[in-house]
């Protein structure tokens, strides 16, 4: 899955509106002289991403993928001035909500408090006809996560050079799915369709 394929997937997930998506696909960057976000902003965004996509025993979280740095690249190179202003303003707004609700900045909150703040923003964003800053952060968290090296290598069964073709291979419940072409359900469906006794995965 390259970044364009991930963008197509996220566009479907979010109903067709991705900030900066058109500029990215056309290759037309904004050519801004400096990055729009500093290291503190990127650290903050890593924590937002980690709350959305936390680390589990089976996969790394968004912080391990450094989604904050990815967001900086997309916002700086592909967001319009209006989109970038909305995004950057969201950092201050989230910290403001965090202080109002829990008495501290977002990065200093306990995980359950961070989760509560983002759930509140999820509801607010779903009722907003415009592209909300939280939606932008969520989109970029998922996009950056799915296309990061650490996710590809640790969350998926990834083989950059699969070698010889093997049509049918052993697959068991709980095995990692191939990256990114086939899911567990697809593998099971393939096995049933071809009357294979055990599910398969392709390219192992």
N, C-alpha and C. Protein backbone atom coordinates (compact mmCIF):
# COMPACT_ATOMS: atom_id res chain seq x y z
N UNK A 1 0.85 -1.19 0.00
CA UNK A 1 0.00 0.00 0.00
C UNK A 1 0.89 1.24 0.00
N UNK A 2 0.83 2.03 -1.06
CA UNK A 2 1.55 3.28 -1.06
C UNK A 2 0.66 4.40 -0.52
N UNK A 3 1.18 5.61 -0.46
CA UNK A 3 0.41 6.70 0.16
C UNK A 3 -0.85 7.03 -0.64
N UNK A 4 -0.79 6.89 -1.96
CA UNK A 4 -1.98 7.17 -2.77
C UNK A 4 -3.07 6.13 -2.51
N UNK A 5 -2.66 4.86 -2.37
CA UNK A 5 -3.65 3.81 -2.07
C UNK A 5 -4.26 4.03 -0.69
N UNK A 6 -3.43 4.40 0.28
CA UNK A 6 -3.95 4.68 1.62
C UNK A 6 -4.91 5.85 1.60
N UNK A 7 -4.58 6.87 0.82
CA UNK A 7 -5.45 8.04 0.72
C UNK A 7 -6.80 7.65 0.13
N UNK A 8 -6.80 6.78 -0.87
CA UNK A 8 -8.07 6.32 -1.47
C UNK A 8 -8.91 5.58 -0.44
N UNK A 9 -8.27 4.73 0.37
CA UNK A 9 -8.98 3.99 1.41
C UNK A 9 -9.58 4.93 2.44
N UNK A 10 -8.80 5.92 2.88
CA UNK A 10 -9.28 6.85 3.90
C UNK A 10 -10.39 7.73 3.34
N UNK A 11 -10.31 8.08 2.07
CA UNK A 11 -11.37 8.87 1.44
C UNK A 11 -12.70 8.14 1.52
N UNK A 12 -12.67 6.84 1.28
CA UNK A 12 -13.89 6.03 1.39
C UNK A 12 -14.38 6.01 2.83
N UNK A 13 -13.46 5.84 3.78
CA UNK A 13 -13.82 5.77 5.19
C UNK A 13 -14.49 7.05 5.67
N UNK A 14 -14.01 8.20 5.17
CA UNK A 14 -14.51 9.48 5.65
C UNK A 14 -15.52 10.12 4.70
N UNK A 15 -16.01 9.37 3.75
CA UNK A 15 -17.09 9.87 2.91
C UNK A 15 -16.67 10.83 1.82
N UNK A 16 -15.42 10.81 1.44
CA UNK A 16 -15.01 11.53 0.24
C UNK A 16 -14.31 12.86 0.41
N UNK A 17 -14.09 13.35 1.64
CA UNK A 17 -13.43 14.63 1.84
C UNK A 17 -12.16 14.45 2.66
N UNK A 18 -11.02 14.66 2.03
CA UNK A 18 -9.73 14.60 2.72
C UNK A 18 -9.00 15.91 2.49
N UNK A 19 -8.74 16.64 3.55
CA UNK A 19 -8.02 17.90 3.41
C UNK A 19 -6.64 17.65 2.82
N UNK A 20 -6.28 18.42 1.80
CA UNK A 20 -4.98 18.28 1.17
C UNK A 20 -4.88 17.13 0.19
N UNK A 21 -5.94 16.31 0.08
CA UNK A 21 -5.88 15.12 -0.76
C UNK A 21 -5.70 15.43 -2.24
N UNK A 22 -6.43 16.43 -2.72
CA UNK A 22 -6.34 16.77 -4.14
C UNK A 22 -4.95 17.26 -4.50
N UNK A 23 -4.40 18.13 -3.66
CA UNK A 23 -3.05 18.65 -3.92
C UNK A 23 -2.02 17.53 -3.87
N UNK A 24 -2.18 16.60 -2.93
CA UNK A 24 -1.24 15.48 -2.83
C UNK A 24 -1.27 14.62 -4.09
N UNK A 25 -2.49 14.26 -4.54
CA UNK A 25 -2.62 13.39 -5.70
C UNK A 25 -2.12 14.06 -6.98
N UNK A 26 -2.26 15.39 -7.04
CA UNK A 26 -1.80 16.11 -8.23
C UNK A 26 -0.30 16.40 -8.18
N UNK A 27 0.29 16.22 -6.98
CA UNK A 27 1.71 16.49 -6.82
C UNK A 27 2.03 17.97 -6.68
N UNK A 28 1.03 18.79 -6.45
CA UNK A 28 1.22 20.25 -6.36
C UNK A 28 1.38 20.66 -4.90
N UNK A 29 2.62 20.74 -4.43
CA UNK A 29 2.86 21.17 -3.07
C UNK A 29 2.80 22.68 -2.98
N UNK A 30 2.65 23.17 -1.76
CA UNK A 30 2.54 24.62 -1.53
C UNK A 30 3.89 25.31 -1.53
N UNK A 31 4.97 24.54 -1.44
CA UNK A 31 6.34 25.10 -1.47
C UNK A 31 6.53 26.19 -0.42
N UNK A 32 6.03 25.95 0.78
CA UNK A 32 6.24 26.91 1.85
C UNK A 32 7.69 26.83 2.32
N UNK A 33 8.30 27.95 2.66
CA UNK A 33 9.72 27.95 3.01
C UNK A 33 10.02 27.24 4.32
N UNK A 34 9.07 27.22 5.26
CA UNK A 34 9.30 26.62 6.57
C UNK A 34 8.15 25.68 6.91
N UNK A 35 8.43 24.76 7.84
CA UNK A 35 7.36 23.89 8.31
C UNK A 35 6.40 24.70 9.16
N UNK A 36 5.14 24.29 9.15
CA UNK A 36 4.11 25.04 9.89
C UNK A 36 4.00 24.59 11.34
N UNK A 37 4.55 23.43 11.65
CA UNK A 37 4.44 22.89 13.00
C UNK A 37 5.82 22.71 13.61
N UNK A 38 5.95 22.97 14.90
CA UNK A 38 7.24 22.78 15.56
C UNK A 38 7.27 21.42 16.28
N UNK A 39 8.38 21.15 16.96
CA UNK A 39 8.54 19.84 17.60
C UNK A 39 7.49 19.61 18.68
N UNK A 40 7.13 20.64 19.41
CA UNK A 40 6.09 20.49 20.44
C UNK A 40 4.74 20.16 19.81
N UNK A 41 4.45 20.79 18.67
CA UNK A 41 3.20 20.50 17.96
C UNK A 41 3.18 19.04 17.51
N UNK A 42 4.30 18.58 16.97
CA UNK A 42 4.35 17.21 16.48
C UNK A 42 4.25 16.20 17.62
N UNK A 43 4.86 16.53 18.77
CA UNK A 43 4.73 15.65 19.94
C UNK A 43 3.28 15.60 20.41
N UNK A 44 2.61 16.74 20.39
CA UNK A 44 1.19 16.80 20.74
C UNK A 44 0.37 15.92 19.79
N UNK A 45 0.63 16.03 18.50
CA UNK A 45 -0.13 15.28 17.50
C UNK A 45 0.14 13.78 17.61
N UNK A 46 1.34 13.42 18.02
CA UNK A 46 1.61 12.00 18.27
C UNK A 46 0.73 11.47 19.39
N UNK A 47 0.49 12.29 20.40
CA UNK A 47 -0.37 11.86 21.51
C UNK A 47 -1.84 11.77 21.08
N UNK A 48 -2.26 12.71 20.24
CA UNK A 48 -3.62 12.62 19.68
C UNK A 48 -3.76 11.33 18.86
N UNK A 49 -2.76 11.09 17.99
CA UNK A 49 -2.79 9.89 17.17
C UNK A 49 -2.77 8.61 18.01
N UNK A 50 -1.98 8.62 19.07
CA UNK A 50 -1.88 7.45 19.93
C UNK A 50 -3.20 7.17 20.65
N UNK A 51 -3.94 8.22 20.97
CA UNK A 51 -5.25 8.04 21.59
C UNK A 51 -6.23 7.43 20.60
N UNK A 52 -6.11 7.80 19.33
CA UNK A 52 -6.98 7.25 18.29
C UNK A 52 -6.55 5.83 17.93
N UNK A 53 -5.23 5.63 17.80
CA UNK A 53 -4.66 4.33 17.40
C UNK A 53 -3.63 3.91 18.44
N UNK A 54 -4.07 3.40 19.59
CA UNK A 54 -3.13 3.05 20.65
C UNK A 54 -2.34 1.78 20.37
N UNK A 55 -1.22 1.68 21.02
CA UNK A 55 -0.41 0.46 20.94
C UNK A 55 -1.17 -0.70 21.58
N UNK A 56 -1.07 -1.87 20.98
CA UNK A 56 -1.65 -3.09 21.54
C UNK A 56 -0.57 -4.17 21.60
N UNK A 57 -0.90 -5.30 22.13
CA UNK A 57 0.07 -6.40 22.18
C UNK A 57 0.40 -6.93 20.79
N UNK A 58 -0.48 -6.65 19.83
CA UNK A 58 -0.29 -7.18 18.47
C UNK A 58 0.22 -6.15 17.47
N UNK A 59 0.19 -4.88 17.82
CA UNK A 59 0.56 -3.87 16.83
C UNK A 59 1.07 -2.60 17.50
N UNK A 60 1.94 -1.86 16.82
CA UNK A 60 2.42 -0.59 17.37
C UNK A 60 1.33 0.47 17.33
N UNK A 61 1.52 1.52 18.10
CA UNK A 61 0.57 2.63 18.09
C UNK A 61 1.01 3.73 17.16
N UNK A 62 0.19 4.77 17.08
CA UNK A 62 0.48 5.88 16.18
C UNK A 62 1.75 6.62 16.57
N UNK A 63 2.06 6.66 17.85
CA UNK A 63 3.28 7.36 18.29
C UNK A 63 4.53 6.66 17.74
N UNK A 64 4.52 5.34 17.74
CA UNK A 64 5.65 4.59 17.19
C UNK A 64 5.83 4.88 15.71
N UNK A 65 4.72 5.17 15.03
CA UNK A 65 4.76 5.51 13.60
C UNK A 65 5.13 6.97 13.37
N UNK A 66 5.24 7.75 14.45
CA UNK A 66 5.58 9.18 14.38
C UNK A 66 4.63 9.92 13.44
N UNK A 67 3.34 9.72 13.66
CA UNK A 67 2.34 10.35 12.78
C UNK A 67 2.37 11.87 12.87
N UNK A 68 2.86 12.41 13.98
CA UNK A 68 2.94 13.87 14.10
C UNK A 68 3.85 14.48 13.05
N UNK A 69 4.97 13.82 12.77
CA UNK A 69 5.89 14.31 11.74
C UNK A 69 5.26 14.17 10.35
N UNK A 70 4.53 13.09 10.14
CA UNK A 70 3.82 12.92 8.88
C UNK A 70 2.80 14.04 8.70
N UNK A 71 2.05 14.35 9.76
CA UNK A 71 1.06 15.42 9.68
C UNK A 71 1.72 16.74 9.32
N UNK A 72 2.87 17.02 9.89
CA UNK A 72 3.57 18.26 9.58
C UNK A 72 3.88 18.35 8.10
N UNK A 73 4.32 17.25 7.51
CA UNK A 73 4.64 17.24 6.08
C UNK A 73 3.41 17.54 5.23
N UNK A 74 2.30 16.85 5.53
CA UNK A 74 1.09 17.03 4.72
C UNK A 74 0.50 18.43 4.91
N UNK A 75 0.43 18.90 6.15
CA UNK A 75 -0.13 20.22 6.41
C UNK A 75 0.72 21.31 5.76
N UNK A 76 2.03 21.18 5.87
CA UNK A 76 2.94 22.19 5.31
C UNK A 76 2.92 22.18 3.79
N UNK A 77 2.95 21.00 3.20
CA UNK A 77 3.14 20.90 1.75
C UNK A 77 1.84 20.90 0.94
N UNK A 78 0.73 20.49 1.56
CA UNK A 78 -0.47 20.27 0.75
C UNK A 78 -1.75 20.95 1.25
N UNK A 79 -1.78 21.41 2.47
CA UNK A 79 -2.98 22.10 2.95
C UNK A 79 -3.03 23.52 2.39
N UNK A 80 -4.24 24.00 2.13
CA UNK A 80 -4.41 25.41 1.79
C UNK A 80 -4.15 26.24 3.04
N UNK A 81 -4.03 27.54 2.87
CA UNK A 81 -3.82 28.41 4.03
C UNK A 81 -4.98 28.30 5.01
N UNK A 82 -6.20 28.20 4.49
CA UNK A 82 -7.38 28.09 5.35
C UNK A 82 -7.38 26.76 6.11
N UNK A 83 -7.06 25.67 5.41
CA UNK A 83 -7.02 24.36 6.05
C UNK A 83 -5.92 24.32 7.12
N UNK A 84 -4.77 24.87 6.79
CA UNK A 84 -3.65 24.88 7.73
C UNK A 84 -3.99 25.69 8.98
N UNK A 85 -4.67 26.82 8.79
CA UNK A 85 -5.06 27.65 9.94
C UNK A 85 -6.06 26.90 10.83
N UNK A 86 -7.02 26.21 10.22
CA UNK A 86 -7.98 25.41 10.97
C UNK A 86 -7.28 24.31 11.75
N UNK A 87 -6.34 23.65 11.12
CA UNK A 87 -5.60 22.55 11.75
C UNK A 87 -4.78 23.05 12.93
N UNK A 88 -4.00 24.10 12.71
CA UNK A 88 -3.14 24.62 13.76
C UNK A 88 -3.97 25.18 14.92
N UNK A 89 -5.09 25.82 14.58
CA UNK A 89 -5.96 26.33 15.63
C UNK A 89 -6.53 25.22 16.48
N UNK A 90 -6.69 24.03 15.88
CA UNK A 90 -7.22 22.89 16.61
C UNK A 90 -6.33 22.46 17.76
N UNK A 91 -5.01 22.66 17.61
CA UNK A 91 -4.10 22.30 18.70
C UNK A 91 -4.42 23.13 19.94
N UNK A 92 -4.61 24.43 19.75
CA UNK A 92 -4.94 25.31 20.87
C UNK A 92 -6.33 24.98 21.44
N UNK A 93 -7.26 24.66 20.55
CA UNK A 93 -8.62 24.36 21.01
C UNK A 93 -8.66 23.08 21.83
N UNK A 94 -7.94 22.07 21.40
CA UNK A 94 -7.93 20.80 22.16
C UNK A 94 -7.31 21.01 23.52
N UNK A 95 -6.23 21.78 23.57
CA UNK A 95 -5.63 22.07 24.88
C UNK A 95 -6.58 22.88 25.75
N UNK A 96 -7.33 23.80 25.13
CA UNK A 96 -8.30 24.58 25.89
C UNK A 96 -9.39 23.72 26.47
N UNK A 97 -9.92 22.80 25.67
CA UNK A 97 -10.96 21.88 26.14
C UNK A 97 -10.40 21.00 27.26
N UNK A 98 -9.18 20.54 27.09
CA UNK A 98 -8.56 19.67 28.10
C UNK A 98 -8.42 20.40 29.44
N UNK A 99 -8.02 21.65 29.40
CA UNK A 99 -7.87 22.43 30.63
C UNK A 99 -9.24 22.71 31.28
N UNK A 100 -10.22 23.01 30.43
CA UNK A 100 -11.55 23.29 30.96
C UNK A 100 -12.19 22.07 31.60
N UNK A 101 -11.99 20.90 30.97
CA UNK A 101 -12.64 19.68 31.46
C UNK A 101 -11.84 18.99 32.57
N UNK A 102 -10.50 19.04 32.44
CA UNK A 102 -9.69 18.21 33.33
C UNK A 102 -8.54 18.95 34.01
N UNK A 103 -8.43 20.26 33.77
CA UNK A 103 -7.45 21.06 34.50
C UNK A 103 -6.02 20.96 34.04
N UNK A 104 -5.80 20.41 32.84
CA UNK A 104 -4.42 20.31 32.36
C UNK A 104 -4.40 20.24 30.84
N UNK A 105 -3.21 20.43 30.25
CA UNK A 105 -3.07 20.32 28.80
C UNK A 105 -3.27 18.88 28.37
N UNK A 106 -3.56 18.67 27.10
CA UNK A 106 -3.91 17.34 26.59
C UNK A 106 -2.81 16.32 26.87
N UNK A 107 -1.55 16.67 26.62
CA UNK A 107 -0.48 15.68 26.77
C UNK A 107 -0.25 15.29 28.22
N UNK A 108 -0.76 16.08 29.17
CA UNK A 108 -0.58 15.77 30.58
C UNK A 108 -1.78 15.02 31.18
N UNK A 109 -2.77 14.76 30.37
CA UNK A 109 -3.95 14.04 30.86
C UNK A 109 -3.70 12.54 30.92
N UNK A 110 -4.47 11.87 31.76
CA UNK A 110 -4.46 10.41 31.80
C UNK A 110 -5.11 9.88 30.52
N UNK A 111 -4.77 8.66 30.10
CA UNK A 111 -5.33 8.11 28.85
C UNK A 111 -6.84 8.17 28.78
N UNK A 112 -7.53 7.87 29.88
CA UNK A 112 -8.99 7.88 29.84
C UNK A 112 -9.53 9.31 29.68
N UNK A 113 -8.81 10.29 30.20
CA UNK A 113 -9.22 11.68 30.04
C UNK A 113 -9.01 12.14 28.59
N UNK A 114 -7.90 11.75 28.01
CA UNK A 114 -7.66 12.07 26.59
C UNK A 114 -8.75 11.46 25.72
N UNK A 115 -9.09 10.23 26.03
CA UNK A 115 -10.13 9.54 25.26
C UNK A 115 -11.45 10.29 25.36
N UNK A 116 -11.78 10.77 26.55
CA UNK A 116 -13.03 11.50 26.74
C UNK A 116 -13.04 12.80 25.94
N UNK A 117 -11.90 13.49 25.91
CA UNK A 117 -11.81 14.74 25.13
C UNK A 117 -12.03 14.46 23.65
N UNK A 118 -11.39 13.42 23.13
CA UNK A 118 -11.53 13.14 21.70
C UNK A 118 -12.91 12.60 21.35
N UNK A 119 -13.55 11.89 22.27
CA UNK A 119 -14.93 11.46 22.03
C UNK A 119 -15.86 12.66 21.92
N UNK A 120 -15.63 13.65 22.75
CA UNK A 120 -16.42 14.88 22.68
C UNK A 120 -16.21 15.56 21.32
N UNK A 121 -14.97 15.60 20.87
CA UNK A 121 -14.67 16.22 19.57
C UNK A 121 -15.22 15.40 18.41
N UNK A 122 -15.26 14.09 18.58
CA UNK A 122 -15.82 13.22 17.54
C UNK A 122 -17.28 13.58 17.29
N UNK A 123 -18.02 13.77 18.37
CA UNK A 123 -19.43 14.16 18.25
C UNK A 123 -19.57 15.55 17.64
N UNK A 124 -18.75 16.47 18.11
CA UNK A 124 -18.79 17.84 17.58
C UNK A 124 -18.47 17.86 16.09
N UNK A 125 -17.45 17.11 15.68
CA UNK A 125 -17.03 17.10 14.28
C UNK A 125 -18.09 16.46 13.38
N UNK A 126 -18.80 15.44 13.90
CA UNK A 126 -19.81 14.76 13.09
C UNK A 126 -21.00 15.66 12.80
N UNK A 127 -21.20 16.67 13.65
CA UNK A 127 -22.31 17.60 13.46
C UNK A 127 -21.90 18.86 12.71
N UNK A 128 -20.63 18.95 12.34
CA UNK A 128 -20.10 20.15 11.69
C UNK A 128 -20.10 19.94 10.17
N UNK A 129 -20.82 20.77 9.41
CA UNK A 129 -20.85 20.59 7.95
C UNK A 129 -19.50 20.92 7.29
N UNK A 130 -18.68 21.72 7.96
CA UNK A 130 -17.36 22.05 7.44
C UNK A 130 -16.34 21.00 7.90
N UNK A 131 -15.17 21.04 7.28
CA UNK A 131 -14.12 20.09 7.68
C UNK A 131 -13.53 20.54 9.01
N UNK A 132 -13.74 19.75 10.03
CA UNK A 132 -13.38 20.08 11.41
C UNK A 132 -11.90 19.73 11.66
N UNK A 133 -11.26 20.50 12.52
CA UNK A 133 -9.84 20.25 12.80
C UNK A 133 -9.60 18.86 13.37
N UNK A 134 -10.54 18.35 14.17
CA UNK A 134 -10.36 17.00 14.70
C UNK A 134 -10.44 15.96 13.58
N UNK A 135 -11.34 16.16 12.64
CA UNK A 135 -11.43 15.25 11.50
C UNK A 135 -10.13 15.24 10.72
N UNK A 136 -9.53 16.41 10.53
CA UNK A 136 -8.24 16.49 9.84
C UNK A 136 -7.18 15.68 10.59
N UNK A 137 -7.12 15.83 11.90
CA UNK A 137 -6.13 15.10 12.70
C UNK A 137 -6.37 13.60 12.65
N UNK A 138 -7.63 13.22 12.70
CA UNK A 138 -7.96 11.80 12.64
C UNK A 138 -7.59 11.21 11.27
N UNK A 139 -7.93 11.93 10.20
CA UNK A 139 -7.58 11.47 8.86
C UNK A 139 -6.08 11.27 8.72
N UNK A 140 -5.32 12.27 9.15
CA UNK A 140 -3.87 12.19 8.98
C UNK A 140 -3.24 11.15 9.91
N UNK A 141 -3.84 10.93 11.08
CA UNK A 141 -3.34 9.87 11.96
C UNK A 141 -3.45 8.51 11.28
N UNK A 142 -4.60 8.24 10.69
CA UNK A 142 -4.82 6.95 10.03
C UNK A 142 -3.95 6.83 8.78
N UNK A 143 -3.91 7.88 7.98
CA UNK A 143 -3.10 7.88 6.75
C UNK A 143 -1.62 7.66 7.08
N UNK A 144 -1.11 8.43 8.02
CA UNK A 144 0.29 8.29 8.40
C UNK A 144 0.60 6.94 9.01
N UNK A 145 -0.33 6.42 9.80
CA UNK A 145 -0.13 5.12 10.45
C UNK A 145 -0.07 4.00 9.43
N UNK A 146 -1.03 3.98 8.52
CA UNK A 146 -1.11 2.88 7.55
C UNK A 146 0.06 2.83 6.59
N UNK A 147 0.73 3.96 6.39
CA UNK A 147 1.82 4.00 5.42
C UNK A 147 3.20 4.10 6.08
N UNK A 148 3.26 3.93 7.39
CA UNK A 148 4.54 4.00 8.08
C UNK A 148 5.27 2.66 8.03
N UNK A 149 6.58 2.73 8.08
CA UNK A 149 7.38 1.50 8.01
C UNK A 149 7.12 0.60 9.21
N UNK A 150 7.00 1.18 10.40
CA UNK A 150 6.83 0.35 11.59
C UNK A 150 5.50 -0.40 11.54
N UNK A 151 4.45 0.23 11.00
CA UNK A 151 3.15 -0.45 10.90
C UNK A 151 3.21 -1.56 9.87
N UNK A 152 3.81 -1.26 8.72
CA UNK A 152 3.91 -2.26 7.66
C UNK A 152 4.66 -3.50 8.16
N UNK A 153 5.73 -3.29 8.90
CA UNK A 153 6.58 -4.41 9.31
C UNK A 153 6.05 -5.15 10.53
N UNK A 154 5.39 -4.45 11.45
CA UNK A 154 4.99 -5.08 12.71
C UNK A 154 3.51 -5.44 12.79
N UNK A 155 2.65 -4.70 12.10
CA UNK A 155 1.22 -4.96 12.20
C UNK A 155 0.72 -5.86 11.08
N UNK A 156 1.51 -5.98 10.02
CA UNK A 156 1.11 -6.80 8.87
C UNK A 156 2.17 -7.85 8.58
N UNK A 157 1.76 -8.84 7.82
CA UNK A 157 2.68 -9.86 7.34
C UNK A 157 3.29 -9.33 6.04
N UNK A 158 4.42 -8.65 6.16
CA UNK A 158 4.99 -7.90 5.04
C UNK A 158 6.23 -8.58 4.51
N UNK A 159 6.26 -8.82 3.19
CA UNK A 159 7.44 -9.37 2.52
C UNK A 159 7.74 -8.52 1.30
N UNK A 160 8.77 -7.66 1.37
CA UNK A 160 9.07 -6.80 0.23
C UNK A 160 9.48 -7.56 -1.02
N UNK A 161 10.09 -8.74 -0.82
CA UNK A 161 10.51 -9.57 -1.95
C UNK A 161 9.98 -10.98 -1.74
N UNK A 162 8.72 -11.23 -2.11
CA UNK A 162 8.10 -12.51 -1.79
C UNK A 162 8.69 -13.71 -2.51
N UNK A 163 9.46 -13.48 -3.58
CA UNK A 163 10.08 -14.60 -4.27
C UNK A 163 9.11 -15.38 -5.13
N UNK A 164 9.24 -16.70 -5.14
CA UNK A 164 8.45 -17.52 -6.04
C UNK A 164 6.97 -17.47 -5.67
N UNK A 165 6.12 -17.69 -6.66
CA UNK A 165 4.67 -17.65 -6.46
C UNK A 165 4.21 -18.90 -5.73
N UNK A 166 3.42 -18.72 -4.67
CA UNK A 166 2.80 -19.83 -3.95
C UNK A 166 1.32 -19.52 -3.81
N UNK A 167 0.51 -20.24 -4.51
CA UNK A 167 -0.92 -19.93 -4.58
C UNK A 167 -1.64 -20.21 -3.27
N UNK A 168 -1.32 -21.30 -2.59
CA UNK A 168 -2.05 -21.69 -1.39
C UNK A 168 -1.07 -21.98 -0.26
N UNK A 169 -1.26 -21.29 0.84
CA UNK A 169 -0.39 -21.45 2.00
C UNK A 169 -1.22 -21.60 3.27
N UNK A 170 -0.61 -22.21 4.27
CA UNK A 170 -1.31 -22.42 5.54
C UNK A 170 -1.59 -21.08 6.21
N UNK A 171 -2.79 -20.95 6.76
CA UNK A 171 -3.20 -19.74 7.48
C UNK A 171 -4.06 -20.14 8.66
N UNK A 172 -3.80 -19.57 9.83
CA UNK A 172 -4.59 -19.87 11.02
C UNK A 172 -5.16 -18.60 11.62
N UNK A 173 -6.24 -18.74 12.34
CA UNK A 173 -6.86 -17.61 13.01
C UNK A 173 -5.84 -16.93 13.91
N UNK A 174 -5.74 -15.61 13.78
CA UNK A 174 -4.79 -14.85 14.58
C UNK A 174 -3.51 -14.50 13.85
N UNK A 175 -3.25 -15.16 12.71
CA UNK A 175 -2.08 -14.80 11.91
C UNK A 175 -2.25 -13.40 11.36
N UNK A 176 -1.14 -12.70 11.17
CA UNK A 176 -1.21 -11.38 10.56
C UNK A 176 -1.65 -11.50 9.11
N UNK A 177 -2.45 -10.54 8.65
CA UNK A 177 -2.86 -10.56 7.26
C UNK A 177 -1.75 -9.99 6.41
N UNK A 178 -1.81 -10.30 5.11
CA UNK A 178 -0.80 -9.76 4.20
C UNK A 178 -0.99 -8.26 4.07
N UNK A 179 0.09 -7.57 3.81
CA UNK A 179 0.04 -6.11 3.61
C UNK A 179 0.20 -5.82 2.13
N UNK A 180 -0.72 -5.10 1.50
CA UNK A 180 -2.01 -4.71 2.00
C UNK A 180 -3.12 -5.39 1.24
N UNK A 181 -2.79 -6.38 0.43
CA UNK A 181 -3.71 -6.84 -0.61
C UNK A 181 -4.82 -7.75 -0.12
N UNK A 182 -4.62 -8.46 0.96
CA UNK A 182 -5.61 -9.47 1.33
C UNK A 182 -5.87 -9.43 2.83
N UNK A 183 -7.11 -9.47 3.23
CA UNK A 183 -7.48 -9.46 4.64
C UNK A 183 -7.78 -10.87 5.10
N UNK A 184 -7.97 -11.03 6.41
CA UNK A 184 -8.30 -12.34 6.93
C UNK A 184 -9.58 -12.88 6.34
N UNK A 185 -10.61 -12.04 6.23
CA UNK A 185 -11.88 -12.49 5.65
C UNK A 185 -11.71 -12.85 4.18
N UNK A 186 -10.88 -12.09 3.47
CA UNK A 186 -10.63 -12.42 2.07
C UNK A 186 -9.92 -13.76 1.95
N UNK A 187 -8.98 -14.00 2.86
CA UNK A 187 -8.26 -15.27 2.83
C UNK A 187 -9.21 -16.44 3.08
N UNK A 188 -10.10 -16.26 4.06
CA UNK A 188 -11.07 -17.32 4.35
C UNK A 188 -12.00 -17.55 3.16
N UNK A 189 -12.45 -16.45 2.56
CA UNK A 189 -13.32 -16.56 1.40
C UNK A 189 -12.64 -17.26 0.25
N UNK A 190 -11.36 -16.95 0.05
CA UNK A 190 -10.58 -17.60 -1.00
C UNK A 190 -10.52 -19.10 -0.75
N UNK A 191 -10.30 -19.47 0.51
CA UNK A 191 -10.19 -20.90 0.84
C UNK A 191 -11.50 -21.62 0.59
N UNK A 192 -12.62 -21.02 1.01
CA UNK A 192 -13.92 -21.64 0.81
C UNK A 192 -14.24 -21.77 -0.67
N UNK A 193 -13.97 -20.70 -1.43
CA UNK A 193 -14.27 -20.71 -2.86
C UNK A 193 -13.51 -21.80 -3.59
N UNK A 194 -12.27 -22.04 -3.18
CA UNK A 194 -11.44 -23.03 -3.85
C UNK A 194 -11.43 -24.36 -3.13
N UNK A 195 -12.31 -24.52 -2.13
CA UNK A 195 -12.46 -25.77 -1.40
C UNK A 195 -11.15 -26.23 -0.77
N UNK A 196 -10.41 -25.26 -0.21
CA UNK A 196 -9.18 -25.58 0.50
C UNK A 196 -9.55 -25.94 1.93
N UNK A 197 -8.94 -26.93 2.48
CA UNK A 197 -9.32 -27.41 3.83
C UNK A 197 -9.05 -26.36 4.90
N UNK A 198 -7.92 -25.67 4.79
CA UNK A 198 -7.59 -24.64 5.76
C UNK A 198 -7.45 -23.31 5.04
N UNK A 199 -7.78 -22.20 5.71
CA UNK A 199 -7.63 -20.90 5.07
C UNK A 199 -6.21 -20.66 4.60
N UNK A 200 -6.05 -19.71 3.71
CA UNK A 200 -4.75 -19.48 3.09
C UNK A 200 -4.38 -18.01 3.20
N UNK A 201 -3.13 -17.72 2.95
CA UNK A 201 -2.69 -16.36 2.72
C UNK A 201 -1.73 -16.38 1.54
N UNK A 202 -1.67 -15.34 0.83
CA UNK A 202 -0.92 -15.30 -0.41
C UNK A 202 0.36 -14.51 -0.22
N UNK A 203 1.47 -15.06 -0.71
CA UNK A 203 2.73 -14.33 -0.77
C UNK A 203 3.61 -14.51 0.44
N UNK A 204 3.35 -15.49 1.32
CA UNK A 204 4.16 -15.68 2.52
C UNK A 204 5.55 -16.21 2.14
